[in-house]
Amino acid sequence: MKLFNHYLNKLNFNTNIVYLGFIIIFIFFSAMLYDDGFLSYRNLTNIILQTTPATILAIGLVFALSADVIDLSFGSIVAVCALTTAVLIQNYSVFIAVPCGLLTGLVMGAFNGFFVAYLRLPSFLVTLATLGLFAGLARIITNLRSIPAVDPTFTGIFGSGKLYGIPSLVIWTLVAVLIAHVVYRQSRFGAHVIATGDNSRAAQASGINIYKIRFSVLVLSGGCAALAGILYTGRIQAAKYTLGESDLMIVIAAVIVGGTALNGGKGSIIGALVGSLLMGMLSNGLILMSYSVSQQMIVRGLIILFAIAISLRNLK
């Protein structure tokens, strides 16, 4: 038994669980749904396209959790920014609408950050409150109506377009993950984020402005939510007040399964990407197996519980 534990620790099970889980689930669905088109190029591509917004959201959450704060409001920010962008596209150009949509997300993230970083309120409670606040705002903006966004330039760049045969959403995923990974692992900002989450007192003693870091990661989370909302709008060519509502559970699951610690100081952008793809593949497979939405939610909940158990294993 001791020998087994030695090799288990050497494998770093907590870090690699997402990759192992991805392979196991992929093999399972490949075998069970071979005749249902699971392995078809179209289906596998759709999984990537459908998970692009969740991957962008997961990037923001990795930074937030690594700094020992959490953002529960990103789903509502998605809806507000998507609606803002769609409304402006109808009245102005894409080159005005998209920056304004992104700016809206950054401002909403800064709103969260002000209360968390400078008024020293718990991020869980602040973002839980703004979750409802921003959701109400999304409903007020268009009086519960969907707003079409059919501008060909917009949908080409942020939705259905392709570059050298590669779907634009795939390009957005790769670019966002690459930039985030480099910033998280190679930049001073990334090091300060990890240090703040790992031991805030030690980080502060070493000269790191932990309040500025907490403010910054919530602004970043808001920006990622805005981009996700714009990508949603580009893909479905419309914005709805319900966009982002179902993402909270999926994104948290993807990030935790991907190896980001709940108590800060540790995270993985690549792990979040694989976790997002895993959750997308899981939803896709369960749909092909004719599971209901309720049953899919139960499975996701079980995965989150398992991931939390693995995450907290290192604290003992």
C-alpha atoms as a PDB file:
ATOM      1  CA  MET A   1       0.000   0.000   0.000  1.00  0.00           C
ATOM      2  CA  LYS A   2       2.854   2.363   0.816  1.00  0.00           C
ATOM      3  CA  LEU A   3       4.425   1.615  -2.554  1.00  0.00           C
ATOM      4  CA  PHE A   4       1.111   2.380  -4.289  1.00  0.00           C
ATOM      5  CA  ASN A   5       0.814   5.727  -2.459  1.00  0.00           C
ATOM      6  CA  HIS A   6       4.411   6.554  -3.380  1.00  0.00           C
ATOM      7  CA  TYR A   7       3.747   6.117  -7.085  1.00  0.00           C
ATOM      8  CA  LEU A   8       0.383   7.892  -6.801  1.00  0.00           C
ATOM      9  CA  ASN A   9       2.060  10.951  -5.306  1.00  0.00           C
ATOM     10  CA  LYS A  10       4.823  10.784  -7.882  1.00  0.00           C
ATOM     11  CA  LEU A  11       2.199  10.795 -10.643  1.00  0.00           C
ATOM     12  CA  ASN A  12       0.683  13.965  -9.105  1.00  0.00           C
ATOM     13  CA  PHE A  13      -2.847  12.655  -9.482  1.00  0.00           C
ATOM     14  CA  ASN A  14      -4.435  15.985  -8.565  1.00  0.00           C
ATOM     15  CA  THR A  15      -2.669  17.793 -11.418  1.00  0.00           C
ATOM     16  CA  ASN A  16      -3.175  15.162 -14.089  1.00  0.00           C
ATOM     17  CA  ILE A  17      -6.718  14.023 -13.289  1.00  0.00           C
ATOM     18  CA  VAL A  18      -8.202  16.229 -16.009  1.00  0.00           C
ATOM     19  CA  TYR A  19      -6.060  14.629 -18.732  1.00  0.00           C
ATOM     20  CA  LEU A  20      -6.774  11.121 -17.479  1.00  0.00           C
ATOM     21  CA  GLY A  21     -10.483  11.897 -17.203  1.00  0.00           C
ATOM     22  CA  PHE A  22     -10.543  13.390 -20.699  1.00  0.00           C
ATOM     23  CA  ILE A  23      -8.981  10.261 -22.196  1.00  0.00           C
ATOM     24  CA  ILE A  24     -11.288   7.899 -20.289  1.00  0.00           C
ATOM     25  CA  ILE A  25     -14.463   9.798 -21.205  1.00  0.00           C
ATOM     26  CA  PHE A  26     -13.351  10.150 -24.838  1.00  0.00           C
ATOM     27  CA  ILE A  27     -12.718   6.400 -25.129  1.00  0.00           C
ATOM     28  CA  PHE A  28     -16.033   5.622 -23.415  1.00  0.00           C
ATOM     29  CA  PHE A  29     -18.113   7.805 -25.739  1.00  0.00           C
ATOM     30  CA  SER A  30     -16.120   6.675 -28.789  1.00  0.00           C
ATOM     31  CA  ALA A  31     -17.035   3.067 -28.019  1.00  0.00           C
ATOM     32  CA  MET A  32     -20.637   3.679 -26.950  1.00  0.00           C
ATOM     33  CA  LEU A  33     -21.521   6.187 -29.664  1.00  0.00           C
ATOM     34  CA  TYR A  34     -19.430   4.933 -32.557  1.00  0.00           C
ATOM     35  CA  ASP A  35     -22.523   4.461 -34.743  1.00  0.00           C
ATOM     36  CA  ASP A  36     -24.062   7.769 -33.650  1.00  0.00           C
ATOM     37  CA  GLY A  37     -21.431  10.018 -35.182  1.00  0.00           C
ATOM     38  CA  PHE A  38     -19.536  10.964 -32.029  1.00  0.00           C
ATOM     39  CA  LEU A  39     -16.170  10.577 -33.779  1.00  0.00           C
ATOM     40  CA  SER A  40     -17.216  12.455 -36.901  1.00  0.00           C
ATOM     41  CA  TYR A  41     -15.211  15.551 -37.799  1.00  0.00           C
ATOM     42  CA  ARG A  42     -18.343  17.677 -37.670  1.00  0.00           C
ATOM     43  CA  ASN A  43     -19.284  16.538 -34.160  1.00  0.00           C
ATOM     44  CA  LEU A  44     -15.777  16.929 -32.724  1.00  0.00           C
ATOM     45  CA  THR A  45     -15.492  20.390 -34.289  1.00  0.00           C
ATOM     46  CA  ASN A  46     -18.869  21.349 -32.832  1.00  0.00           C
ATOM     47  CA  ILE A  47     -17.640  20.402 -29.362  1.00  0.00           C
ATOM     48  CA  ILE A  48     -14.749  22.858 -29.705  1.00  0.00           C
ATOM     49  CA  LEU A  49     -16.983  25.602 -31.128  1.00  0.00           C
ATOM     50  CA  GLN A  50     -19.597  25.177 -28.411  1.00  0.00           C
ATOM     51  CA  THR A  51     -17.016  25.287 -25.613  1.00  0.00           C
ATOM     52  CA  THR A  52     -15.150  28.389 -26.832  1.00  0.00           C
ATOM     53  CA  PRO A  53     -17.086  30.879 -24.635  1.00  0.00           C
ATOM     54  CA  ALA A  54     -16.750  28.561 -21.620  1.00  0.00           C
ATOM     55  CA  THR A  55     -13.004  28.312 -22.209  1.00  0.00           C
ATOM     56  CA  ILE A  56     -12.690  32.109 -22.296  1.00  0.00           C
ATOM     57  CA  LEU A  57     -14.698  32.347 -19.065  1.00  0.00           C
ATOM     58  CA  ALA A  58     -12.538  29.639 -17.484  1.00  0.00           C
ATOM     59  CA  ILE A  59      -9.415  31.691 -18.199  1.00  0.00           C
ATOM     60  CA  GLY A  60     -10.780  34.603 -16.175  1.00  0.00           C
ATOM     61  CA  LEU A  61     -11.812  32.304 -13.342  1.00  0.00           C
ATOM     62  CA  VAL A  62      -8.360  30.700 -13.175  1.00  0.00           C
ATOM     63  CA  PHE A  63      -6.796  34.101 -12.513  1.00  0.00           C
ATOM     64  CA  ALA A  64      -9.485  34.986  -9.961  1.00  0.00           C
ATOM     65  CA  LEU A  65      -9.288  31.733  -8.000  1.00  0.00           C
ATOM     66  CA  SER A  66      -5.492  31.792  -8.111  1.00  0.00           C
ATOM     67  CA  ALA A  67      -5.615  35.155  -6.323  1.00  0.00           C
ATOM     68  CA  ASP A  68      -8.022  33.620  -3.773  1.00  0.00           C
ATOM     69  CA  VAL A  69     -11.120  35.458  -4.980  1.00  0.00           C
ATOM     70  CA  ILE A  70     -14.114  34.149  -6.893  1.00  0.00           C
ATOM     71  CA  ASP A  71     -16.394  35.705  -9.486  1.00  0.00           C
ATOM     72  CA  LEU A  72     -19.926  34.281  -9.525  1.00  0.00           C
ATOM     73  CA  SER A  73     -21.317  37.088 -11.671  1.00  0.00           C
ATOM     74  CA  PHE A  74     -19.582  36.317 -14.962  1.00  0.00           C
ATOM     75  CA  GLY A  75     -22.683  34.665 -16.458  1.00  0.00           C
ATOM     76  CA  SER A  76     -24.707  37.851 -15.994  1.00  0.00           C
ATOM     77  CA  ILE A  77     -21.847  39.951 -17.377  1.00  0.00           C
ATOM     78  CA  VAL A  78     -21.908  37.742 -20.485  1.00  0.00           C
ATOM     79  CA  ALA A  79     -25.560  38.618 -21.093  1.00  0.00           C
ATOM     80  CA  VAL A  80     -25.173  42.371 -20.501  1.00  0.00           C
ATOM     81  CA  CYS A  81     -22.144  42.663 -22.787  1.00  0.00           C
ATOM     82  CA  ALA A  82     -23.710  40.513 -25.500  1.00  0.00           C
ATOM     83  CA  LEU A  83     -26.862  42.644 -25.496  1.00  0.00           C
ATOM     84  CA  THR A  84     -24.854  45.876 -25.426  1.00  0.00           C
ATOM     85  CA  THR A  85     -22.846  44.743 -28.435  1.00  0.00           C
ATOM     86  CA  ALA A  86     -25.905  43.606 -30.390  1.00  0.00           C
ATOM     87  CA  VAL A  87     -27.799  46.845 -29.752  1.00  0.00           C
ATOM     88  CA  LEU A  88     -24.834  48.960 -30.859  1.00  0.00           C
ATOM     89  CA  ILE A  89     -24.300  46.858 -33.984  1.00  0.00           C
ATOM     90  CA  GLN A  90     -27.818  47.760 -35.097  1.00  0.00           C
ATOM     91  CA  ASN A  91     -27.169  51.483 -34.699  1.00  0.00           C
ATOM     92  CA  TYR A  92     -23.430  51.867 -35.275  1.00  0.00           C
ATOM     93  CA  SER A  93     -20.531  49.947 -36.801  1.00  0.00           C
ATOM     94  CA  VAL A  94     -18.939  46.760 -35.520  1.00  0.00           C
ATOM     95  CA  PHE A  95     -15.811  48.723 -34.725  1.00  0.00           C
ATOM     96  CA  ILE A  96     -17.753  50.762 -32.191  1.00  0.00           C
ATOM     97  CA  ALA A  97     -19.982  47.982 -30.861  1.00  0.00           C
ATOM     98  CA  VAL A  98     -17.260  45.456 -30.015  1.00  0.00           C
ATOM     99  CA  PRO A  99     -14.975  47.839 -28.062  1.00  0.00           C
ATOM    100  CA  CYS A 100     -18.018  49.147 -26.169  1.00  0.00           C
ATOM    101  CA  GLY A 101     -19.077  45.592 -25.359  1.00  0.00           C
ATOM    102  CA  LEU A 102     -15.614  44.785 -24.043  1.00  0.00           C
ATOM    103  CA  LEU A 103     -15.451  48.039 -22.095  1.00  0.00           C
ATOM    104  CA  THR A 104     -18.792  47.228 -20.471  1.00  0.00           C
ATOM    105  CA  GLY A 105     -17.384  43.956 -19.159  1.00  0.00           C
ATOM    106  CA  LEU A 106     -14.259  45.643 -17.836  1.00  0.00           C
ATOM    107  CA  VAL A 107     -16.344  48.279 -16.030  1.00  0.00           C
ATOM    108  CA  MET A 108     -18.552  45.614 -14.461  1.00  0.00           C
ATOM    109  CA  GLY A 109     -15.462  43.704 -13.380  1.00  0.00           C
ATOM    110  CA  ALA A 110     -14.065  46.909 -11.887  1.00  0.00           C
ATOM    111  CA  PHE A 111     -17.354  47.382 -10.022  1.00  0.00           C
ATOM    112  CA  ASN A 112     -16.857  43.960  -8.421  1.00  0.00           C
ATOM    113  CA  GLY A 113     -13.202  44.688  -7.815  1.00  0.00           C
ATOM    114  CA  PHE A 114     -13.881  47.956  -6.004  1.00  0.00           C
ATOM    115  CA  PHE A 115     -16.039  46.276  -3.376  1.00  0.00           C
ATOM    116  CA  VAL A 116     -13.730  43.285  -2.990  1.00  0.00           C
ATOM    117  CA  ALA A 117     -10.315  44.947  -3.097  1.00  0.00           C
ATOM    118  CA  TYR A 118     -10.901  48.357  -1.593  1.00  0.00           C
ATOM    119  CA  LEU A 119     -13.943  47.908   0.642  1.00  0.00           C
ATOM    120  CA  ARG A 120     -12.529  44.509   1.719  1.00  0.00           C
ATOM    121  CA  LEU A 121     -15.820  42.647   1.268  1.00  0.00           C
ATOM    122  CA  PRO A 122     -15.831  38.877   0.588  1.00  0.00           C
ATOM    123  CA  SER A 123     -15.737  38.179  -3.136  1.00  0.00           C
ATOM    124  CA  PHE A 124     -18.268  35.372  -2.798  1.00  0.00           C
ATOM    125  CA  LEU A 125     -20.904  37.670  -1.318  1.00  0.00           C
ATOM    126  CA  VAL A 126     -20.124  40.631  -3.604  1.00  0.00           C
ATOM    127  CA  THR A 127     -20.319  38.650  -6.835  1.00  0.00           C
ATOM    128  CA  LEU A 128     -23.346  36.716  -5.615  1.00  0.00           C
ATOM    129  CA  ALA A 129     -25.101  40.068  -5.182  1.00  0.00           C
ATOM    130  CA  THR A 130     -23.934  41.432  -8.549  1.00  0.00           C
ATOM    131  CA  LEU A 131     -24.967  38.164 -10.195  1.00  0.00           C
ATOM    132  CA  GLY A 132     -28.567  39.181  -9.543  1.00  0.00           C
ATOM    133  CA  LEU A 133     -27.909  42.869 -10.137  1.00  0.00           C
ATOM    134  CA  PHE A 134     -26.379  42.343 -13.583  1.00  0.00           C
ATOM    135  CA  ALA A 135     -28.992  39.706 -14.505  1.00  0.00           C
ATOM    136  CA  GLY A 136     -31.721  42.253 -13.807  1.00  0.00           C
ATOM    137  CA  LEU A 137     -29.860  44.817 -15.887  1.00  0.00           C
ATOM    138  CA  ALA A 138     -29.707  42.375 -18.822  1.00  0.00           C
ATOM    139  CA  ARG A 139     -33.464  41.990 -18.676  1.00  0.00           C
ATOM    140  CA  ILE A 140     -34.064  45.731 -18.530  1.00  0.00           C
ATOM    141  CA  ILE A 141     -31.806  46.575 -21.498  1.00  0.00           C
ATOM    142  CA  THR A 142     -34.099  44.985 -24.088  1.00  0.00           C
ATOM    143  CA  ASN A 143     -37.250  44.222 -22.103  1.00  0.00           C
ATOM    144  CA  LEU A 144     -36.683  40.441 -22.396  1.00  0.00           C
ATOM    145  CA  ARG A 145     -36.328  40.562 -26.185  1.00  0.00           C
ATOM    146  CA  SER A 146     -33.639  38.895 -28.270  1.00  0.00           C
ATOM    147  CA  ILE A 147     -31.533  41.261 -30.369  1.00  0.00           C
ATOM    148  CA  PRO A 148     -30.334  40.021 -33.787  1.00  0.00           C
ATOM    149  CA  ALA A 149     -26.710  40.572 -34.797  1.00  0.00           C
ATOM    150  CA  VAL A 150     -26.379  39.594 -38.453  1.00  0.00           C
ATOM    151  CA  ASP A 151     -23.640  41.953 -39.583  1.00  0.00           C
ATOM    152  CA  PRO A 152     -21.450  39.746 -41.833  1.00  0.00           C
ATOM    153  CA  THR A 153     -18.195  41.315 -40.635  1.00  0.00           C
ATOM    154  CA  PHE A 154     -19.127  40.701 -37.012  1.00  0.00           C
ATOM    155  CA  THR A 155     -20.349  37.136 -37.477  1.00  0.00           C
ATOM    156  CA  GLY A 156     -17.333  36.346 -39.650  1.00  0.00           C
ATOM    157  CA  ILE A 157     -14.811  37.466 -37.056  1.00  0.00           C
ATOM    158  CA  PHE A 158     -16.612  36.344 -33.905  1.00  0.00           C
ATOM    159  CA  GLY A 159     -18.817  33.507 -35.074  1.00  0.00           C
ATOM    160  CA  SER A 160     -19.107  31.445 -38.221  1.00  0.00           C
ATOM    161  CA  GLY A 161     -16.100  32.727 -40.175  1.00  0.00           C
ATOM    162  CA  LYS A 162     -12.961  30.835 -41.099  1.00  0.00           C
ATOM    163  CA  LEU A 163      -9.320  31.708 -41.722  1.00  0.00           C
ATOM    164  CA  TYR A 164      -7.424  29.293 -43.995  1.00  0.00           C
ATOM    165  CA  GLY A 165     -10.126  26.727 -43.268  1.00  0.00           C
ATOM    166  CA  ILE A 166      -9.863  27.099 -39.483  1.00  0.00           C
ATOM    167  CA  PRO A 167     -13.081  28.264 -37.753  1.00  0.00           C
ATOM    168  CA  SER A 168     -12.709  31.683 -36.160  1.00  0.00           C
ATOM    169  CA  LEU A 169     -13.900  30.362 -32.780  1.00  0.00           C
ATOM    170  CA  VAL A 170     -11.085  27.812 -32.775  1.00  0.00           C
ATOM    171  CA  ILE A 171      -8.621  30.617 -33.484  1.00  0.00           C
ATOM    172  CA  TRP A 172     -10.071  32.689 -30.629  1.00  0.00           C
ATOM    173  CA  THR A 173      -9.676  29.705 -28.304  1.00  0.00           C
ATOM    174  CA  LEU A 174      -6.062  29.064 -29.263  1.00  0.00           C
ATOM    175  CA  VAL A 175      -5.035  32.737 -29.119  1.00  0.00           C
ATOM    176  CA  ALA A 176      -6.741  33.356 -25.777  1.00  0.00           C
ATOM    177  CA  VAL A 177      -5.266  30.233 -24.180  1.00  0.00           C
ATOM    178  CA  LEU A 178      -1.773  30.978 -25.493  1.00  0.00           C
ATOM    179  CA  ILE A 179      -1.763  34.584 -24.262  1.00  0.00           C
ATOM    180  CA  ALA A 180      -3.287  33.656 -20.898  1.00  0.00           C
ATOM    181  CA  HIS A 181      -0.834  30.805 -20.371  1.00  0.00           C
ATOM    182  CA  VAL A 182       2.163  33.025 -21.074  1.00  0.00           C
ATOM    183  CA  VAL A 183       0.848  35.791 -18.803  1.00  0.00           C
ATOM    184  CA  TYR A 184       0.001  33.329 -16.031  1.00  0.00           C
ATOM    185  CA  ARG A 185       3.294  31.427 -16.133  1.00  0.00           C
ATOM    186  CA  GLN A 186       5.857  33.876 -17.469  1.00  0.00           C
ATOM    187  CA  SER A 187       4.852  37.404 -16.438  1.00  0.00           C
ATOM    188  CA  ARG A 188       5.331  39.344 -13.217  1.00  0.00           C
ATOM    189  CA  PHE A 189       1.583  39.842 -13.000  1.00  0.00           C
ATOM    190  CA  GLY A 190       0.986  36.086 -13.093  1.00  0.00           C
ATOM    191  CA  ALA A 191       3.593  35.510 -10.397  1.00  0.00           C
ATOM    192  CA  HIS A 192       1.970  38.169  -8.208  1.00  0.00           C
ATOM    193  CA  VAL A 193      -1.455  36.602  -8.701  1.00  0.00           C
ATOM    194  CA  ILE A 194      -0.172  33.197  -7.567  1.00  0.00           C
ATOM    195  CA  ALA A 195       1.738  34.712  -4.658  1.00  0.00           C
ATOM    196  CA  THR A 196      -1.332  36.648  -3.499  1.00  0.00           C
ATOM    197  CA  GLY A 197      -3.467  33.524  -3.486  1.00  0.00           C
ATOM    198  CA  ASP A 198      -0.814  31.324  -1.941  1.00  0.00           C
ATOM    199  CA  ASN A 199      -0.029  33.582   1.038  1.00  0.00           C
ATOM    200  CA  SER A 200      -1.403  37.101   0.967  1.00  0.00           C
ATOM    201  CA  ARG A 201       0.479  38.252   4.068  1.00  0.00           C
ATOM    202  CA  ALA A 202       3.818  37.049   2.728  1.00  0.00           C
ATOM    203  CA  ALA A 203       3.037  38.589  -0.672  1.00  0.00           C
ATOM    204  CA  GLN A 204       2.198  41.925   0.938  1.00  0.00           C
ATOM    205  CA  ALA A 205       5.349  41.810   3.046  1.00  0.00           C
ATOM    206  CA  SER A 206       7.397  41.286  -0.131  1.00  0.00           C
ATOM    207  CA  GLY A 207       5.974  44.482  -1.657  1.00  0.00           C
ATOM    208  CA  ILE A 208       3.088  43.099  -3.725  1.00  0.00           C
ATOM    209  CA  ASN A 209      -0.038  45.244  -3.713  1.00  0.00           C
ATOM    210  CA  ILE A 210      -2.496  42.421  -3.044  1.00  0.00           C
ATOM    211  CA  TYR A 211      -5.514  44.737  -3.260  1.00  0.00           C
ATOM    212  CA  LYS A 212      -4.495  45.892  -6.718  1.00  0.00           C
ATOM    213  CA  ILE A 213      -4.053  42.247  -7.751  1.00  0.00           C
ATOM    214  CA  ARG A 214      -7.513  41.300  -6.480  1.00  0.00           C
ATOM    215  CA  PHE A 215      -9.008  44.284  -8.270  1.00  0.00           C
ATOM    216  CA  SER A 216      -7.145  43.393 -11.476  1.00  0.00           C
ATOM    217  CA  VAL A 217      -8.213  39.736 -11.601  1.00  0.00           C
ATOM    218  CA  LEU A 218     -11.874  40.712 -11.244  1.00  0.00           C
ATOM    219  CA  VAL A 219     -11.485  43.275 -14.033  1.00  0.00           C
ATOM    220  CA  LEU A 220      -9.850  40.534 -16.116  1.00  0.00           C
ATOM    221  CA  SER A 221     -12.717  38.169 -15.320  1.00  0.00           C
ATOM    222  CA  GLY A 222     -15.188  40.836 -16.473  1.00  0.00           C
ATOM    223  CA  GLY A 223     -13.228  41.309 -19.697  1.00  0.00           C
ATOM    224  CA  CYS A 224     -13.208  37.567 -20.373  1.00  0.00           C
ATOM    225  CA  ALA A 225     -16.967  37.461 -19.751  1.00  0.00           C
ATOM    226  CA  ALA A 226     -17.453  40.313 -22.218  1.00  0.00           C
ATOM    227  CA  LEU A 227     -15.445  38.498 -24.894  1.00  0.00           C
ATOM    228  CA  ALA A 228     -17.403  35.307 -24.231  1.00  0.00           C
ATOM    229  CA  GLY A 229     -20.651  37.233 -24.654  1.00  0.00           C
ATOM    230  CA  ILE A 230     -19.465  38.684 -27.955  1.00  0.00           C
ATOM    231  CA  LEU A 231     -18.464  35.213 -29.196  1.00  0.00           C
ATOM    232  CA  TYR A 232     -21.840  33.824 -28.160  1.00  0.00           C
ATOM    233  CA  THR A 233     -23.540  36.625 -30.098  1.00  0.00           C
ATOM    234  CA  GLY A 234     -21.389  36.053 -33.163  1.00  0.00           C
ATOM    235  CA  ARG A 235     -22.053  32.313 -33.160  1.00  0.00           C
ATOM    236  CA  ILE A 236     -25.850  32.397 -32.781  1.00  0.00           C
ATOM    237  CA  GLN A 237     -26.153  35.783 -34.559  1.00  0.00           C
ATOM    238  CA  ALA A 238     -28.257  37.172 -31.745  1.00  0.00           C
ATOM    239  CA  ALA A 239     -28.029  38.205 -28.100  1.00  0.00           C
ATOM    240  CA  LYS A 240     -30.404  37.038 -25.374  1.00  0.00           C
ATOM    241  CA  TYR A 241     -30.739  37.931 -21.722  1.00  0.00           C
ATOM    242  CA  THR A 242     -30.369  34.208 -20.930  1.00  0.00           C
ATOM    243  CA  LEU A 243     -26.850  33.977 -22.362  1.00  0.00           C
ATOM    244  CA  GLY A 244     -24.385  32.825 -19.724  1.00  0.00           C
ATOM    245  CA  GLU A 245     -27.025  31.631 -17.262  1.00  0.00           C
ATOM    246  CA  SER A 246     -26.020  27.985 -17.552  1.00  0.00           C
ATOM    247  CA  ASP A 247     -22.269  28.638 -17.665  1.00  0.00           C
ATOM    248  CA  LEU A 248     -21.567  29.046 -13.939  1.00  0.00           C
ATOM    249  CA  MET A 249     -21.689  25.355 -13.108  1.00  0.00           C
ATOM    250  CA  ILE A 250     -19.879  24.273 -16.286  1.00  0.00           C
ATOM    251  CA  VAL A 251     -17.038  26.788 -15.977  1.00  0.00           C
ATOM    252  CA  ILE A 252     -16.435  26.157 -12.266  1.00  0.00           C
ATOM    253  CA  ALA A 253     -16.340  22.428 -12.995  1.00  0.00           C
ATOM    254  CA  ALA A 254     -13.893  22.928 -15.885  1.00  0.00           C
ATOM    255  CA  VAL A 255     -11.548  25.079 -13.794  1.00  0.00           C
ATOM    256  CA  ILE A 256     -11.564  22.845 -10.720  1.00  0.00           C
ATOM    257  CA  VAL A 257     -11.183  19.654 -12.750  1.00  0.00           C
ATOM    258  CA  GLY A 258      -8.393  21.429 -14.645  1.00  0.00           C
ATOM    259  CA  GLY A 259      -6.290  21.701 -11.487  1.00  0.00           C
ATOM    260  CA  THR A 260      -6.955  25.215 -10.147  1.00  0.00           C
ATOM    261  CA  ALA A 261      -7.032  25.251  -6.349  1.00  0.00           C
ATOM    262  CA  LEU A 262     -10.115  26.562  -4.595  1.00  0.00           C
ATOM    263  CA  ASN A 263      -8.004  28.195  -1.891  1.00  0.00           C
ATOM    264  CA  GLY A 264      -5.729  30.104  -4.279  1.00  0.00           C
ATOM    265  CA  GLY A 265      -2.076  29.939  -5.206  1.00  0.00           C
ATOM    266  CA  LYS A 266      -2.342  27.298  -7.896  1.00  0.00           C
ATOM    267  CA  GLY A 267      -3.929  27.100 -11.313  1.00  0.00           C
ATOM    268  CA  SER A 268      -3.558  25.916 -14.883  1.00  0.00           C
ATOM    269  CA  ILE A 269      -4.722  27.607 -18.071  1.00  0.00           C
ATOM    270  CA  ILE A 270      -4.082  24.474 -20.140  1.00  0.00           C
ATOM    271  CA  GLY A 271      -5.891  22.415 -17.521  1.00  0.00           C
ATOM    272  CA  ALA A 272      -8.868  24.793 -17.732  1.00  0.00           C
ATOM    273  CA  LEU A 273      -8.918  24.387 -21.524  1.00  0.00           C
ATOM    274  CA  VAL A 274      -8.933  20.586 -21.243  1.00  0.00           C
ATOM    275  CA  GLY A 275     -11.502  20.788 -18.461  1.00  0.00           C
ATOM    276  CA  SER A 276     -13.747  22.940 -20.652  1.00  0.00           C
ATOM    277  CA  LEU A 277     -13.405  20.510 -23.550  1.00  0.00           C
ATOM    278  CA  LEU A 278     -14.097  17.628 -21.171  1.00  0.00           C
ATOM    279  CA  MET A 279     -17.335  19.263 -19.976  1.00  0.00           C
ATOM    280  CA  GLY A 280     -18.329  20.025 -23.573  1.00  0.00           C
ATOM    281  CA  MET A 281     -17.589  16.465 -24.656  1.00  0.00           C
ATOM    282  CA  LEU A 282     -19.553  15.153 -21.681  1.00  0.00           C
ATOM    283  CA  SER A 283     -22.611  17.254 -22.562  1.00  0.00           C
ATOM    284  CA  ASN A 284     -22.343  16.263 -26.221  1.00  0.00           C
ATOM    285  CA  GLY A 285     -22.071  12.555 -25.387  1.00  0.00           C
ATOM    286  CA  LEU A 286     -24.951  12.625 -22.926  1.00  0.00           C
ATOM    287  CA  ILE A 287     -27.156  14.377 -25.505  1.00  0.00           C
ATOM    288  CA  LEU A 288     -26.299  11.723 -28.097  1.00  0.00           C
ATOM    289  CA  MET A 289     -27.189   9.085 -25.483  1.00  0.00           C
ATOM    290  CA  SER A 290     -30.582  10.836 -25.057  1.00  0.00           C
ATOM    291  CA  TYR A 291     -29.990  11.990 -21.480  1.00  0.00           C
ATOM    292  CA  SER A 292     -32.284  14.802 -20.338  1.00  0.00           C
ATOM    293  CA  VAL A 293     -31.066  18.228 -19.226  1.00  0.00           C
ATOM    294  CA  SER A 294     -31.822  17.282 -15.619  1.00  0.00           C
ATOM    295  CA  GLN A 295     -29.727  14.133 -15.879  1.00  0.00           C
ATOM    296  CA  GLN A 296     -26.868  16.116 -17.432  1.00  0.00           C
ATOM    297  CA  MET A 297     -26.976  18.529 -14.488  1.00  0.00           C
ATOM    298  CA  ILE A 298     -26.756  15.606 -12.055  1.00  0.00           C
ATOM    299  CA  VAL A 299     -23.697  14.234 -13.832  1.00  0.00           C
ATOM    300  CA  ARG A 300     -21.995  17.662 -13.812  1.00  0.00           C
ATOM    301  CA  GLY A 301     -22.755  18.049 -10.119  1.00  0.00           C
ATOM    302  CA  LEU A 302     -21.168  14.690  -9.361  1.00  0.00           C
ATOM    303  CA  ILE A 303     -18.091  15.668 -11.360  1.00  0.00           C
ATOM    304  CA  ILE A 304     -17.764  18.921  -9.397  1.00  0.00           C
ATOM    305  CA  LEU A 305     -18.000  17.025  -6.098  1.00  0.00           C
ATOM    306  CA  PHE A 306     -15.328  14.601  -7.270  1.00  0.00           C
ATOM    307  CA  ALA A 307     -13.102  17.434  -8.452  1.00  0.00           C
ATOM    308  CA  ILE A 308     -13.472  19.290  -5.146  1.00  0.00           C
ATOM    309  CA  ALA A 309     -12.554  16.121  -3.258  1.00  0.00           C
ATOM    310  CA  ILE A 310      -9.416  15.738  -5.369  1.00  0.00           C
ATOM    311  CA  SER A 311      -8.574  19.447  -5.029  1.00  0.00           C
ATOM    312  CA  LEU A 312      -8.857  19.393  -1.244  1.00  0.00           C
ATOM    313  CA  ARG A 313      -6.803  16.207  -1.013  1.00  0.00           C
ATOM    314  CA  ASN A 314      -3.606  18.269  -1.188  1.00  0.00           C
ATOM    315  CA  LEU A 315      -4.650  20.334   1.844  1.00  0.00           C
ATOM    316  CA  LYS A 316      -4.381  17.357   4.183  1.00  0.00           C
END
